Structures are given as structure tokens and as C-alpha cells.
Amino acid sequence: MAKSKIFLCLCLSFIMGVAIYSSGLLSTLTIYILTIFSCCLAVVFYKPKAIIVFGIIIFLYAGFMYTRLYTINISTKLNALQAQTSIIIGTIKEDPFLTDSYQNLIVEVKNNQTKYKALIYSPFYPKYQYNDILQVQCKLIKLSEHNPQDMNLIAQNIVTRCYYPKIKTLGHSKNNQLTENLIKIKQKLSTIISNLLPEPESYFLNGLLVGGQSNYSKTLKEIFNRTGTSHLVALSGLNITIIIGIILYIFQAMLVHPRYSFYLISIFIFLFVIMTGAQPSIIRAAIMGSVLLVANKVGRLNNPTNALLATIVIMLLFNPLILRWNLGFQLSFLAMIGIIYISPILRYFSNKIKPKFTHTKIYKILSETFIITISAQLSALPLILYTFNTLPVLALPANILIIPVIPIITILGFLTGIMGFIFMPLANLFALLALILVKYVLVIIHYFASLSFAVYNLNINGFILSAYYLVLFIGLIYGTNYMRKQERLKTEDAMEFVKLRS
């Protein structure tokens, strides 16, 4: 077996181990028995195939036990907490964000050699900043490992929360100055956008660039939900992956050398991470999107499986709970699957259609954008339906009309922010160009949302979701094999033609 296939099997085994423990499919005893059996198999037969099977089982066991130990550590922190009124002292470790009713503060608390995070729901005023040291008096509510909503917070290492706190600012920490400065850059960027664009266009552009929907009215949020476009203003992994994929393929359509496109998009990703405050979710999405760049640079865009799986394993080593409980990570992964594996099949069949203008750059850019959007939606939309139990009927046409301009709006938005630091007249020009495109997006969204059949309540259970992805997997295998067969026939025909000519 080739080394690349062995590496693929080992990565998949580790991921499967994490998935098995997270889902509770097998008990710890069963995993122990499988591991002991694989050890005996390797010792008795000691053949290459037996050694490979042994390695696969060991990596599966490693993923299982790593997740188990990580979860036990979280459980220890939960068990140490008691639901009672108490005073905690901690430091704000993430940029505070606003919801409809609260200012949300994620505070890191160190107590008797135990470190944990608490989510504090504070009134809108006074405002607090990253690295503020707070004394908080409130009733701590311990999160439950049996509540899916609580598990979303536990996956972020948050183990408790409290409402209606009494807060006293004790000072400001000097630790993590780099992160604090990045957050200040993000806040400054948001302020520049808000000053140069009217509402609600400034809200949309800020949501696209730095995330957050706190300034949106309930009506505007409902419009985004009805059209399946809320991911645009949530700074989601799905959105970021699509943007990176579209920019990459636009460069390819414009015949930009892979080396130059690699460096240009790498700079874009780096600036994107900085300007958004280097949030953990953004860093994960940027890493996932970078797999496309690496695969493109080494000329293996059709087979970047090992790079993708290695990236996932590295992320799981930092936090194995994200595999089951972090929707942003899941959507980012599925979008990558769609872009890498579905788009080549769609591109192959789209090339069969050859109108007169098929060789123009505009056609190539639009067709690639359409293909990337469809590919990502085909792989990610079912999970969205399963999670939220609603089907935005017009999500696909709305996204097809909107997503092609999103990379342009993103670039114009960043140029507006950067020029706002340097040269305001140029910032005004970029803001005007961005405003035109944002207005176009909002007109499309409002129109589709106004239609009575825009949303349909749809309950999808796990069986239907699994069946869909099974059919999609079979379709990918069939489509890939069909393309390879056609390419092989073309090669054989070309060789036969050369023989006849000679």
C-alpha cells in the first residue's frame, strides 16, 4: 500500500475514533477489546497488512481515548462548580459581543489550580473590553453535558453562565497584547464602515467582514433566515470557504499563475484574520480554506484529501468536541468537500455546453462562481436543514445571485477599512463602490423574502440526512469514475490517431 494511502487511513481512523466517542456508538470496553485484538493480530501474523490494520486500530483508539480524556477534563470542571450565588474574579478573554438583550462576556476564571470559562450576560452598559479584569457576583448556572445547546458552549470550553450579575472592574490585564491589538483593529474597521455607509448597508458589510448581527432589527434577521443567506453576515466557515474558493477559481479563469494566486490569496487570508480580530472560528475557517491554496500550488487540486484530513486532525487535537458540536466547523468542512470533489464533476458537465461566448473571461468567472456556489450548497445545505428544521425554498437562487459579488464586496470593504486608516478620500471611493453592490444584495434578499413560499417547515431526521450523504457519496464515486473513463478514452483515441499519422 502506498504511503499516501496509509496516511489517509490513519487520519481517517483518528477522526473516526473522535466521532465514535462523541456519538456514543461504542463503549470504552469495546474499543479496548478491538485494540487488544489488533495487537494480537500484529504479533501473531506480523505481516505488512496486519501491521497496517494494527496501526489503523491504534489510531482509532487514540482518537477515542483523546476525546474521552478531554471530555473527562471538562466534566471535572463542571463537577467542581455548584449552582449557587458566588463571587468570581476573571479576565475577559474574547471580544464582548451583543445580542438582542445582553452584552455577552466570556470570562476566564482561575480558581484553586482550576481554570474555566464563564459566560456572563451583562446589561448593554457599561461597556467592557477584552482583557478587563472583573469581579462578578451572580448565581452560577452549571452547564449540562446532556443538553445540546449547552454542549455548543462546552465545546468552546465554557462550563458555566450567569444572568443579572453585579460587576466591578478591578483593572486591565497586560497579557495577550497581540490579540488585544487585533481586536482594536477590528473595532476601528467596524467604526470606519459605520461612518462611511448608511444603515442597513453598514450593518451588512460589518457582518460580512467582522461578524455579528447585534445591530440588525428582528425584521432584517427574519429576511436573512427566509432566504437562507444568514451565513453571509455570521462570518461563518461556510461563507469564508466559499469566498476563498471563488477567488482562487477566478484567478484560474484569468490564467493567473498558481504561484502568484497562492501568494495573493495568502495575503488576503492573513489580512482577513487580522482585521476580524483573529477569532478562533475565523482561524479554523482560514486554515480549511488554505487547503485549497496548498493543493492548487502543488498541482493536486483534484486530490487534496490527505491535506484536508491532516488539517482536521490538527484541529481536533486542539479541541475534539468541535467535530460534533461546532456547526461552523462542520459547515466549513462540508463546503470544502463540495468545492474539492463536487465542483470538478459539475465543471466537467458544464464544459459540455459550449455557447459562443464560452471562452470569454466573464463567462468563465461567472460559471466558476456558479459551480462553487452550487457545490458548497449541495454539501452543506442538508446539515443546515437538519439543524434548523426549515427549508428556505429560494436559498439556492438567492445565493447564486448574491454570492458572485460577495468576494468583490469583501475586498472593497477591506480596502475601505485600510484606506480609512491611511487616506480618507480613497476610502470614500471604495465605500461608494461597496455601497452599490450591497444595495444590490439587499434588494435581491428583500425580494425573495417577500414571496409567500420562501420558507417551508421541514423536519429532517438523522436517517434522511445519512441517506442523502450516502447518495451524494455514491454519486461522487460514479461521477469521478465516469470522468476518468472519458479522459482515458480521449487519451487512447489521441494515441491511436498518432499511430495512424505515423
Protein backbone atom coordinates (compact mmCIF):
# COMPACT_ATOMS: atom_id res chain seq x y z
CA MET A 1 0.00 0.00 0.00
CA ALA A 2 1.30 3.47 -0.90
CA LYS A 3 2.44 5.75 1.92
CA SER A 4 -0.19 8.36 0.99
CA LYS A 5 -2.97 5.77 1.38
CA ILE A 6 -1.57 4.61 4.71
CA PHE A 7 -1.51 8.23 5.91
CA LEU A 8 -5.10 8.68 4.71
CA CYS A 9 -6.24 5.56 6.59
CA LEU A 10 -4.52 6.64 9.82
CA CYS A 11 -6.04 10.14 9.70
CA LEU A 12 -9.49 8.70 9.00
CA SER A 13 -9.05 6.26 11.89
CA PHE A 14 -8.24 9.05 14.34
CA ILE A 15 -11.23 11.10 13.14
CA MET A 16 -13.47 8.02 13.40
CA GLY A 17 -12.25 7.47 16.97
CA VAL A 18 -13.25 11.02 17.88
CA ALA A 19 -16.61 10.57 16.14
CA ILE A 20 -17.33 7.22 17.85
CA TYR A 21 -16.77 8.61 21.33
CA SER A 22 -18.64 11.85 20.60
CA SER A 23 -21.67 9.95 19.30
CA GLY A 24 -21.55 7.16 21.90
CA LEU A 25 -21.75 4.41 19.26
CA LEU A 26 -19.32 2.06 21.03
CA SER A 27 -18.40 1.63 24.68
CA THR A 28 -14.90 2.05 26.05
CA LEU A 29 -14.76 -1.72 26.73
CA THR A 30 -15.46 -2.47 23.05
CA ILE A 31 -12.62 -0.17 21.98
CA TYR A 32 -10.28 -1.90 24.48
CA ILE A 33 -11.17 -5.31 23.03
CA LEU A 34 -10.58 -4.13 19.45
CA THR A 35 -7.20 -2.69 20.42
CA ILE A 36 -6.07 -5.87 22.19
CA PHE A 37 -7.26 -7.95 19.24
CA SER A 38 -5.30 -5.80 16.77
CA CYS A 39 -2.16 -6.14 18.93
CA CYS A 40 -2.52 -9.93 18.92
CA LEU A 41 -3.08 -9.87 15.15
CA ALA A 42 0.08 -7.86 14.57
CA VAL A 43 2.18 -10.12 16.87
CA VAL A 44 0.90 -13.46 15.51
CA PHE A 45 0.97 -12.72 11.80
CA TYR A 46 3.50 -9.86 11.66
CA LYS A 47 2.83 -9.09 8.02
CA PRO A 48 2.62 -5.67 6.37
CA LYS A 49 -1.18 -5.84 6.07
CA ALA A 50 -1.51 -6.92 9.70
CA ILE A 51 0.76 -4.06 10.79
CA ILE A 52 -1.38 -1.59 8.81
CA VAL A 53 -4.57 -2.93 10.41
CA PHE A 54 -2.85 -2.65 13.80
CA GLY A 55 -1.94 0.99 13.08
CA ILE A 56 -5.48 1.79 12.00
CA ILE A 57 -6.96 0.33 15.20
CA ILE A 58 -4.35 2.12 17.33
CA PHE A 59 -5.15 5.49 15.73
CA LEU A 60 -8.86 4.83 16.18
CA TYR A 61 -8.18 4.04 19.83
CA ALA A 62 -6.05 7.19 20.13
CA GLY A 63 -8.87 9.39 18.79
CA PHE A 64 -11.38 7.69 21.06
CA MET A 65 -9.28 7.98 24.22
CA TYR A 66 -8.09 11.51 23.48
CA THR A 67 -11.70 12.67 23.21
CA ARG A 68 -12.61 10.72 26.34
CA LEU A 69 -9.81 12.32 28.37
CA TYR A 70 -10.66 15.76 27.01
CA THR A 71 -14.31 15.26 27.97
CA ILE A 72 -13.37 13.97 31.44
CA ASN A 73 -11.35 17.14 31.98
CA ILE A 74 -14.40 19.22 31.07
CA SER A 75 -16.61 17.08 33.33
CA THR A 76 -14.19 17.61 36.23
CA LYS A 77 -14.56 21.36 35.84
CA LEU A 78 -18.35 21.03 35.68
CA ASN A 79 -18.49 18.85 38.79
CA ALA A 80 -16.34 21.32 40.70
CA LEU A 81 -18.96 24.03 40.17
CA GLN A 82 -22.07 24.43 42.26
CA ALA A 83 -25.23 26.32 41.31
CA GLN A 84 -25.04 28.98 43.98
CA THR A 85 -24.53 32.69 44.31
CA SER A 86 -20.82 33.37 44.45
CA ILE A 87 -18.15 35.90 43.60
CA ILE A 88 -15.69 35.10 40.83
CA ILE A 89 -12.74 37.08 39.57
CA GLY A 90 -11.67 36.65 35.97
CA THR A 91 -10.42 38.25 32.78
CA ILE A 92 -12.43 38.83 29.60
CA LYS A 93 -10.78 36.54 27.04
CA GLU A 94 -12.85 37.23 23.92
CA ASP A 95 -14.18 40.36 22.33
CA PRO A 96 -17.56 41.11 24.01
CA PHE A 97 -20.49 40.73 21.61
CA LEU A 98 -24.05 41.99 21.75
CA THR A 99 -27.32 40.11 21.35
CA ASP A 100 -30.89 41.40 21.47
CA SER A 101 -30.92 41.64 25.27
CA TYR A 102 -27.39 41.31 26.64
CA GLN A 103 -23.73 42.15 26.37
CA ASN A 104 -22.07 38.74 26.34
CA LEU A 105 -18.79 38.46 28.25
CA ILE A 106 -16.63 35.34 28.14
CA VAL A 107 -14.55 35.46 31.33
CA GLU A 108 -11.64 33.15 32.14
CA VAL A 109 -11.56 32.25 35.84
CA LYS A 110 -8.62 30.72 37.70
CA ASN A 111 -9.63 29.11 40.97
CA ASN A 112 -7.57 26.69 43.11
CA GLN A 113 -5.47 25.40 40.21
CA THR A 114 -8.63 25.07 38.08
CA LYS A 115 -9.15 27.23 35.02
CA TYR A 116 -12.50 27.54 33.28
CA LYS A 117 -14.58 29.98 31.24
CA ALA A 118 -17.87 31.54 32.26
CA LEU A 119 -20.42 33.25 30.02
CA ILE A 120 -21.73 36.40 31.70
CA TYR A 121 -24.92 38.02 30.40
CA SER A 122 -24.41 41.68 31.28
CA PRO A 123 -26.55 44.76 30.51
CA PHE A 124 -25.52 46.85 27.48
CA TYR A 125 -23.90 49.47 29.70
CA PRO A 126 -21.28 49.99 30.92
CA LYS A 127 -19.22 48.64 28.02
CA TYR A 128 -16.41 46.20 28.76
CA GLN A 129 -13.30 45.43 26.75
CA TYR A 130 -11.06 42.45 26.08
CA ASN A 131 -8.56 41.88 28.94
CA ASP A 132 -10.66 43.74 31.53
CA ILE A 133 -10.33 42.12 34.95
CA LEU A 134 -13.77 41.79 36.55
CA GLN A 135 -15.23 40.85 39.90
CA VAL A 136 -18.58 39.23 39.18
CA GLN A 137 -21.23 38.42 41.78
CA CYS A 138 -24.05 36.23 40.45
CA LYS A 139 -25.68 32.82 40.62
CA LEU A 140 -23.59 30.44 38.54
CA ILE A 141 -25.63 28.07 36.37
CA LYS A 142 -23.72 24.87 35.63
CA LEU A 143 -24.00 23.71 32.03
CA SER A 144 -25.26 20.21 31.32
CA GLU A 145 -23.48 17.66 29.15
CA HIS A 146 -26.90 16.23 28.26
CA ASN A 147 -28.21 19.48 26.77
CA PRO A 148 -27.24 20.05 23.10
CA GLN A 149 -27.43 23.83 23.47
CA ASP A 150 -25.14 23.71 26.48
CA MET A 151 -22.75 21.42 24.62
CA ASN A 152 -22.28 24.13 21.99
CA LEU A 153 -20.87 26.30 24.79
CA ILE A 154 -18.92 23.45 26.39
CA ALA A 155 -17.22 22.89 23.02
CA GLN A 156 -15.85 26.43 23.50
CA ASN A 157 -14.57 25.44 26.97
CA ILE A 158 -17.38 27.41 28.66
CA VAL A 159 -18.70 25.47 31.67
CA THR A 160 -21.00 27.95 33.43
CA ARG A 161 -23.06 31.07 32.84
CA CYS A 162 -24.95 33.64 34.83
CA TYR A 163 -27.61 36.32 34.41
CA TYR A 164 -28.11 39.69 36.15
CA PRO A 165 -24.59 39.97 37.55
CA LYS A 166 -23.14 42.66 39.74
CA ILE A 167 -19.87 43.58 38.08
CA LYS A 168 -16.93 45.61 39.34
CA THR A 169 -13.94 46.39 37.14
CA LEU A 170 -10.71 45.69 39.03
CA GLY A 171 -8.21 46.59 36.31
CA HIS A 172 -6.87 45.68 32.90
CA SER A 173 -4.58 42.77 32.10
CA LYS A 174 -1.41 43.29 30.06
CA ASN A 175 -1.38 39.70 28.77
CA ASN A 176 -2.13 38.77 25.14
CA GLN A 177 -1.37 42.25 23.83
CA LEU A 178 -1.27 40.97 20.25
CA THR A 179 -4.84 39.66 20.42
CA GLU A 180 -5.99 42.85 22.12
CA ASN A 181 -4.43 44.99 19.38
CA LEU A 182 -6.05 42.85 16.69
CA ILE A 183 -9.45 43.31 18.34
CA LYS A 184 -8.88 47.07 18.43
CA ILE A 185 -8.11 46.99 14.70
CA LYS A 186 -11.37 45.09 14.15
CA GLN A 187 -13.33 47.62 16.17
CA LYS A 188 -11.72 50.51 14.30
CA LEU A 189 -12.55 48.86 10.97
CA SER A 190 -16.17 48.46 12.07
CA THR A 191 -16.33 52.12 13.10
CA ILE A 192 -14.94 53.29 9.74
CA ILE A 193 -17.52 51.21 7.85
CA SER A 194 -20.34 52.53 10.04
CA ASN A 195 -19.26 56.14 9.45
CA LEU A 196 -18.94 55.82 5.66
CA LEU A 197 -22.02 53.73 4.81
CA PRO A 198 -25.67 54.29 5.78
CA GLU A 199 -27.86 51.78 7.59
CA PRO A 200 -28.62 48.93 7.00
CA GLU A 201 -25.85 48.68 4.37
CA SER A 202 -23.17 49.33 7.00
CA TYR A 203 -24.65 46.58 9.20
CA PHE A 204 -24.47 44.11 6.32
CA LEU A 205 -20.88 45.00 5.40
CA ASN A 206 -19.76 44.85 9.03
CA GLY A 207 -21.46 41.48 9.42
CA LEU A 208 -19.72 40.23 6.30
CA LEU A 209 -16.28 41.48 7.39
CA VAL A 210 -16.18 41.13 11.17
CA GLY A 211 -19.33 39.16 12.03
CA GLY A 212 -22.05 39.96 14.50
CA GLN A 213 -25.72 40.69 13.95
CA SER A 214 -26.44 42.72 17.08
CA ASN A 215 -27.41 45.87 15.13
CA TYR A 216 -29.94 44.11 12.93
CA SER A 217 -33.63 44.51 13.56
CA LYS A 218 -35.69 41.38 14.06
CA THR A 219 -37.29 42.03 10.66
CA LEU A 220 -33.93 42.10 8.89
CA LYS A 221 -32.79 38.92 10.66
CA GLU A 222 -36.01 37.21 9.60
CA ILE A 223 -35.40 38.28 5.99
CA PHE A 224 -31.95 36.68 6.03
CA ASN A 225 -33.37 33.49 7.56
CA ARG A 226 -36.20 33.27 4.99
CA THR A 227 -33.74 33.46 2.10
CA GLY A 228 -31.06 31.17 3.53
CA THR A 229 -28.48 33.93 3.45
CA SER A 230 -27.84 34.42 7.16
CA HIS A 231 -24.41 32.78 6.76
CA LEU A 232 -23.30 35.89 4.84
CA VAL A 233 -23.45 38.08 7.93
CA ALA A 234 -22.40 35.49 10.52
CA LEU A 235 -18.74 35.30 9.44
CA SER A 236 -19.32 31.58 9.06
CA GLY A 237 -16.86 28.94 7.99
CA LEU A 238 -19.16 28.14 5.06
CA ASN A 239 -19.06 31.74 3.85
CA ILE A 240 -15.29 32.12 4.22
CA THR A 241 -14.58 28.82 2.45
CA ILE A 242 -16.82 29.81 -0.47
CA ILE A 243 -15.14 33.24 -0.76
CA ILE A 244 -11.65 31.72 -0.81
CA GLY A 245 -12.73 29.09 -3.34
CA ILE A 246 -14.33 31.68 -5.65
CA ILE A 247 -11.29 33.98 -5.57
CA LEU A 248 -8.98 31.05 -6.30
CA TYR A 249 -11.01 29.87 -9.28
CA ILE A 250 -11.42 33.43 -10.59
CA PHE A 251 -7.63 33.69 -10.66
CA GLN A 252 -7.51 30.39 -12.52
CA ALA A 253 -10.08 31.61 -15.04
CA MET A 254 -7.99 34.74 -15.57
CA LEU A 255 -4.93 32.50 -16.14
CA VAL A 256 -3.07 33.86 -13.11
CA HIS A 257 -0.05 31.70 -12.35
CA PRO A 258 -0.68 29.36 -9.36
CA ARG A 259 2.36 30.79 -7.57
CA TYR A 260 1.04 34.36 -7.75
CA SER A 261 -2.52 33.36 -6.83
CA PHE A 262 -1.12 31.43 -3.85
CA TYR A 263 0.72 34.49 -2.50
CA LEU A 264 -2.11 36.95 -3.25
CA ILE A 265 -4.80 34.84 -1.57
CA SER A 266 -2.45 34.02 1.34
CA ILE A 267 -2.05 37.76 1.93
CA PHE A 268 -5.84 38.16 1.72
CA ILE A 269 -6.40 35.37 4.28
CA PHE A 270 -3.76 36.83 6.60
CA LEU A 271 -5.33 40.30 6.44
CA PHE A 272 -8.78 38.77 6.85
CA VAL A 273 -7.74 37.01 10.06
CA ILE A 274 -6.10 40.17 11.42
CA MET A 275 -8.96 42.51 10.52
CA THR A 276 -11.54 40.21 12.12
CA GLY A 277 -9.67 40.04 15.42
CA ALA A 278 -8.18 36.56 14.95
CA GLN A 279 -11.27 34.82 16.34
CA PRO A 280 -10.87 31.04 16.79
CA SER A 281 -13.71 30.26 14.35
CA ILE A 282 -12.11 32.50 11.71
CA ILE A 283 -8.70 30.92 12.18
CA ARG A 284 -10.25 27.45 11.71
CA ALA A 285 -12.09 28.56 8.57
CA ALA A 286 -8.96 30.23 7.20
CA ILE A 287 -6.95 27.05 7.78
CA MET A 288 -9.61 24.98 6.00
CA GLY A 289 -9.62 27.41 3.08
CA SER A 290 -5.84 27.29 2.92
CA VAL A 291 -6.07 23.61 1.99
CA LEU A 292 -7.37 24.75 -1.40
CA LEU A 293 -4.34 27.00 -1.82
CA VAL A 294 -1.81 24.33 -0.89
CA ALA A 295 -3.47 21.78 -3.16
CA ASN A 296 -3.57 24.28 -6.02
CA LYS A 297 0.07 25.31 -5.55
CA VAL A 298 1.40 21.75 -5.65
CA GLY A 299 -0.81 20.96 -8.61
CA ARG A 300 -3.03 18.39 -6.84
CA LEU A 301 -6.32 20.26 -6.65
CA ASN A 302 -8.25 17.12 -7.60
CA ASN A 303 -6.71 15.01 -4.81
CA PRO A 304 -6.07 17.09 -1.67
CA THR A 305 -7.68 14.51 0.62
CA ASN A 306 -4.61 13.96 2.78
CA ALA A 307 -4.06 17.68 3.32
CA LEU A 308 -7.73 18.14 4.28
CA LEU A 309 -7.73 15.19 6.71
CA ALA A 310 -4.41 16.26 8.27
CA THR A 311 -5.87 19.73 8.83
CA ILE A 312 -8.93 18.25 10.54
CA VAL A 313 -6.77 16.03 12.77
CA ILE A 314 -4.71 19.04 13.88
CA MET A 315 -7.88 20.97 14.71
CA LEU A 316 -9.27 18.03 16.67
CA LEU A 317 -6.07 17.80 18.70
CA PHE A 318 -6.78 21.33 19.93
CA ASN A 319 -10.45 20.61 20.62
CA PRO A 320 -12.06 17.25 19.69
CA LEU A 321 -15.52 18.45 20.71
CA ILE A 322 -15.84 20.65 17.63
CA LEU A 323 -16.38 17.59 15.43
CA ARG A 324 -19.88 17.07 16.80
CA TRP A 325 -20.83 20.33 18.48
CA ASN A 326 -19.39 23.16 16.35
CA LEU A 327 -21.71 23.87 13.44
CA GLY A 328 -19.29 26.38 11.88
CA PHE A 329 -16.55 23.73 11.71
CA GLN A 330 -18.95 21.19 10.22
CA LEU A 331 -20.21 23.59 7.54
CA SER A 332 -16.68 24.67 6.68
CA PHE A 333 -15.65 21.03 6.27
CA LEU A 334 -18.69 20.20 4.12
CA ALA A 335 -18.12 23.28 1.95
CA MET A 336 -14.54 22.12 1.39
CA ILE A 337 -15.81 18.66 0.39
CA GLY A 338 -18.22 20.25 -2.08
CA ILE A 339 -15.65 22.58 -3.62
CA ILE A 340 -12.94 19.92 -3.90
CA TYR A 341 -14.98 16.91 -5.06
CA ILE A 342 -18.35 18.08 -6.43
CA SER A 343 -17.15 21.11 -8.40
CA PRO A 344 -14.88 19.13 -10.79
CA ILE A 345 -17.86 16.95 -11.77
CA LEU A 346 -20.12 19.96 -12.33
CA ARG A 347 -17.31 21.68 -14.22
CA TYR A 348 -16.85 18.64 -16.46
CA PHE A 349 -20.52 18.54 -17.48
CA SER A 350 -20.75 22.33 -17.81
CA ASN A 351 -17.91 22.20 -20.32
CA LYS A 352 -20.15 20.05 -22.50
CA ILE A 353 -22.27 23.17 -23.00
CA LYS A 354 -20.37 25.44 -25.35
CA PRO A 355 -22.16 28.65 -26.31
CA LYS A 356 -20.37 31.16 -28.50
CA PHE A 357 -19.16 33.21 -25.53
CA THR A 358 -17.85 30.22 -23.56
CA HIS A 359 -14.20 31.25 -23.95
CA THR A 360 -14.64 34.78 -22.58
CA LYS A 361 -13.18 35.55 -19.17
CA ILE A 362 -16.51 36.92 -17.90
CA TYR A 363 -18.24 33.65 -18.78
CA LYS A 364 -15.51 31.62 -17.07
CA ILE A 365 -15.67 33.74 -13.91
CA LEU A 366 -19.48 33.57 -13.72
CA SER A 367 -19.58 29.85 -14.46
CA GLU A 368 -16.91 29.10 -11.86
CA THR A 369 -18.74 31.20 -9.28
CA PHE A 370 -21.96 29.35 -10.07
CA ILE A 371 -20.24 25.96 -9.80
CA ILE A 372 -18.53 26.81 -6.48
CA THR A 373 -21.79 28.08 -5.00
CA ILE A 374 -23.80 25.03 -6.10
CA SER A 375 -21.09 22.62 -4.92
CA ALA A 376 -20.87 24.16 -1.43
CA GLN A 377 -24.67 24.35 -1.09
CA LEU A 378 -25.18 20.73 -2.17
CA SER A 379 -22.85 19.51 0.55
CA ALA A 380 -23.74 21.93 3.36
CA LEU A 381 -27.44 22.76 2.93
CA PRO A 382 -28.80 19.39 4.21
CA LEU A 383 -26.98 19.86 7.53
CA ILE A 384 -28.45 23.36 7.82
CA LEU A 385 -31.92 21.92 7.20
CA TYR A 386 -31.32 19.18 9.78
CA THR A 387 -30.15 21.73 12.36
CA PHE A 388 -32.83 24.42 11.94
CA ASN A 389 -35.76 22.32 10.60
CA THR A 390 -36.70 24.94 8.00
CA LEU A 391 -36.21 24.86 4.25
CA PRO A 392 -35.54 28.25 2.63
CA VAL A 393 -37.04 27.26 -0.73
CA LEU A 394 -35.33 30.14 -2.52
CA ALA A 395 -31.96 29.77 -0.82
CA LEU A 396 -30.27 28.32 -3.90
CA PRO A 397 -31.33 31.00 -6.44
CA ALA A 398 -30.79 33.75 -3.86
CA ASN A 399 -27.25 32.56 -3.12
CA ILE A 400 -26.47 32.10 -6.81
CA LEU A 401 -27.42 35.72 -7.49
CA ILE A 402 -25.68 37.08 -4.39
CA ILE A 403 -22.51 35.07 -3.77
CA PRO A 404 -20.74 36.08 -7.02
CA VAL A 405 -20.47 39.66 -5.75
CA ILE A 406 -19.60 38.74 -2.15
CA PRO A 407 -15.82 38.39 -2.77
CA ILE A 408 -15.85 41.79 -4.51
CA ILE A 409 -17.78 43.35 -1.62
CA THR A 410 -15.39 41.75 0.86
CA ILE A 411 -12.32 43.13 -0.93
CA LEU A 412 -13.91 46.59 -1.30
CA GLY A 413 -14.87 46.52 2.38
CA PHE A 414 -11.32 45.75 3.47
CA LEU A 415 -9.94 48.41 1.13
CA THR A 416 -12.40 50.87 2.65
CA GLY A 417 -11.20 49.98 6.15
CA ILE A 418 -7.50 50.07 5.26
CA MET A 419 -7.79 53.39 3.40
CA GLY A 420 -9.77 54.72 6.36
CA PHE A 421 -6.53 54.41 8.34
CA ILE A 422 -4.43 55.99 5.58
CA PHE A 423 -6.30 58.20 3.08
CA MET A 424 -9.98 59.03 3.68
CA PRO A 425 -10.89 60.29 0.15
CA LEU A 426 -9.91 56.93 -1.32
CA ALA A 427 -11.82 55.20 1.48
CA ASN A 428 -14.92 57.14 0.42
CA LEU A 429 -14.49 55.93 -3.17
CA PHE A 430 -14.21 52.27 -2.14
CA ALA A 431 -17.15 52.73 0.25
CA LEU A 432 -19.30 54.08 -2.61
CA LEU A 433 -18.46 51.10 -4.83
CA ALA A 434 -19.21 48.70 -1.96
CA LEU A 435 -22.47 50.53 -1.25
CA ILE A 436 -23.73 49.93 -4.80
CA LEU A 437 -23.11 46.19 -4.58
CA VAL A 438 -24.51 45.90 -1.03
CA LYS A 439 -27.70 47.64 -2.17
CA TYR A 440 -27.97 45.09 -4.99
CA VAL A 441 -27.62 42.24 -2.46
CA LEU A 442 -30.25 43.70 -0.12
CA VAL A 443 -32.70 44.27 -2.98
CA ILE A 444 -32.36 40.60 -4.01
CA ILE A 445 -32.78 39.40 -0.41
CA HIS A 446 -35.84 41.60 0.24
CA TYR A 447 -37.50 40.48 -2.99
CA PHE A 448 -37.07 36.75 -2.34
CA ALA A 449 -38.10 37.15 1.32
CA SER A 450 -41.32 38.91 0.29
CA LEU A 451 -42.57 35.84 -1.60
CA SER A 452 -45.11 33.81 0.35
CA PHE A 453 -43.49 30.44 -0.43
CA ALA A 454 -39.96 31.50 0.60
CA VAL A 455 -39.85 29.19 3.65
CA TYR A 456 -41.18 25.71 4.26
CA ASN A 457 -41.06 23.95 7.62
CA LEU A 458 -39.27 20.67 7.11
CA ASN A 459 -38.22 18.16 9.73
CA ILE A 460 -35.24 16.07 8.64
CA ASN A 461 -34.18 13.23 10.92
CA GLY A 462 -30.79 11.61 11.14
CA PHE A 463 -31.80 8.74 8.84
CA ILE A 464 -32.76 11.08 5.98
CA LEU A 465 -29.59 13.11 6.48
CA SER A 466 -27.44 9.98 6.40
CA ALA A 467 -29.29 8.68 3.33
CA TYR A 468 -28.70 11.97 1.50
CA TYR A 469 -24.96 11.94 2.16
CA LEU A 470 -24.78 8.24 1.20
CA VAL A 471 -26.43 9.01 -2.15
CA LEU A 472 -24.12 12.01 -2.58
CA PHE A 473 -21.10 9.80 -1.86
CA ILE A 474 -22.22 7.20 -4.41
CA GLY A 475 -22.84 9.97 -6.93
CA LEU A 476 -19.34 11.35 -6.36
CA ILE A 477 -17.81 7.92 -6.96
CA TYR A 478 -19.85 7.39 -10.12
CA GLY A 479 -19.16 10.89 -11.44
CA THR A 480 -15.44 10.67 -10.73
CA ASN A 481 -15.13 7.25 -12.37
CA TYR A 482 -17.11 8.46 -15.39
CA MET A 483 -14.80 11.46 -15.84
CA ARG A 484 -11.70 9.28 -15.54
CA LYS A 485 -13.11 6.80 -18.06
CA GLN A 486 -13.84 9.58 -20.56
CA GLU A 487 -10.39 11.06 -20.09
CA ARG A 488 -8.83 7.62 -20.60
CA LEU A 489 -10.81 7.12 -23.80
CA LYS A 490 -9.67 10.51 -25.06
CA THR A 491 -6.08 9.59 -24.34
CA GLU A 492 -6.43 6.26 -26.13
CA ASP A 493 -8.07 7.95 -29.15
CA ALA A 494 -5.26 10.50 -29.29
CA MET A 495 -2.62 7.76 -29.17
CA GLU A 496 -4.43 5.82 -31.91
CA PHE A 497 -4.58 8.96 -34.04
CA VAL A 498 -0.81 9.50 -33.59
CA LYS A 499 -0.16 5.89 -34.66
CA LEU A 500 -2.27 6.31 -37.77
CA ARG A 501 -0.48 9.53 -38.69
CA SER A 502 2.90 7.89 -38.26
